[in-house]
Amino acid sequence: MQVHVEFWGSLKRLTGESKRIVEIEGEATIATLARHLADDPVLRSALEKCAYSIGTEIVPLACALKEGDQVAVLPPVSGG
């Protein structure tokens, strides 16, 4: 299945891209996608602290993916 991934904030700067299309075989969850993205050494350590959303909803790692889902990878933010 194809999943459309959007990188936000520091991940966008880290990867040098704002979007990526990821091919995943068979049934998959957000955790499956995260493992696939972690194959990229640039992303590996950053992903441990990220949240994921589909549309406007933050989703758990166990959330099932469907063909064509738009998944945003959201790094932690801080302020003060």
Protein backbone atom coordinates (compact mmCIF):
# COMPACT_ATOMS: atom_id res chain seq x y z
CA MET A 1 0.00 0.00 0.00
CA GLN A 2 1.06 3.59 -0.54
CA VAL A 3 1.05 5.99 2.40
CA HIS A 4 1.72 9.71 2.00
CA VAL A 5 3.96 10.97 4.80
CA GLU A 6 4.36 14.63 5.72
CA PHE A 7 7.29 15.80 7.84
CA TRP A 8 6.67 18.80 10.10
CA GLY A 9 8.92 21.20 11.99
CA SER A 10 12.45 20.02 12.68
CA LEU A 11 11.87 16.78 10.75
CA LYS A 12 11.31 18.78 7.59
CA ARG A 13 14.69 20.46 8.09
CA LEU A 14 16.36 17.20 9.11
CA THR A 15 15.20 15.24 6.04
CA GLY A 16 15.31 18.11 3.58
CA GLU A 17 11.85 17.16 2.36
CA SER A 18 8.31 17.93 3.40
CA LYS A 19 6.64 14.84 1.92
CA ARG A 20 7.50 11.28 1.07
CA ILE A 21 5.50 8.42 -0.42
CA VAL A 22 6.13 5.15 1.40
CA GLU A 23 5.31 1.68 0.03
CA ILE A 24 4.38 -0.88 2.69
CA GLU A 25 3.57 -4.51 1.94
CA GLY A 26 0.37 -6.00 3.37
CA GLU A 27 -1.53 -4.76 6.39
CA ALA A 28 0.21 -2.04 8.38
CA THR A 29 -0.12 0.20 11.39
CA ILE A 30 1.50 3.48 12.36
CA ALA A 31 4.13 1.37 14.20
CA THR A 32 4.89 -0.43 10.92
CA LEU A 33 5.30 2.91 9.19
CA ALA A 34 7.55 4.20 11.99
CA ARG A 35 9.79 1.12 11.68
CA HIS A 36 9.97 1.64 7.93
CA LEU A 37 10.88 5.33 8.36
CA ALA A 38 13.52 4.37 10.96
CA ASP A 39 15.45 2.61 8.18
CA ASP A 40 16.53 6.16 7.28
CA PRO A 41 19.49 6.87 9.61
CA VAL A 42 18.68 10.59 9.55
CA LEU A 43 15.25 9.90 11.10
CA ARG A 44 16.01 6.94 13.36
CA SER A 45 16.57 8.69 16.71
CA ALA A 46 14.13 11.54 16.05
CA LEU A 47 11.15 9.22 15.51
CA GLU A 48 11.22 7.92 19.09
CA LYS A 49 9.79 11.22 20.32
CA CYS A 50 7.30 11.91 17.53
CA ALA A 51 3.52 11.83 17.39
CA TYR A 52 1.56 10.79 14.29
CA SER A 53 -1.67 12.06 12.86
CA ILE A 54 -4.02 11.00 10.12
CA GLY A 55 -5.95 14.01 8.94
CA THR A 56 -6.51 16.21 11.97
CA GLU A 57 -6.48 13.40 14.54
CA ILE A 58 -3.47 12.26 16.58
CA VAL A 59 -3.41 8.47 16.36
CA PRO A 60 -1.77 5.70 18.43
CA LEU A 61 0.96 3.45 17.07
CA ALA A 62 -1.58 0.61 16.85
CA CYS A 63 -3.78 2.57 14.41
CA ALA A 64 -4.32 0.63 11.16
CA LEU A 65 -3.31 2.31 7.92
CA LYS A 66 -5.31 2.29 4.70
CA GLU A 67 -4.17 2.77 1.12
CA GLY A 68 -3.56 6.46 0.44
CA ASP A 69 -3.61 7.64 4.07
CA GLN A 70 -1.97 11.01 4.70
CA VAL A 71 0.17 10.64 7.82
CA ALA A 72 1.86 13.62 9.44
CA VAL A 73 4.94 12.96 11.57
CA LEU A 74 4.98 15.55 14.34
CA PRO A 75 8.15 16.21 16.33
CA PRO A 76 7.86 17.41 19.91
CA VAL A 77 7.63 21.14 20.39
CA SER A 78 8.61 23.30 23.31
CA GLY A 79 7.97 26.85 24.22
CA GLY A 80 8.05 29.11 27.12
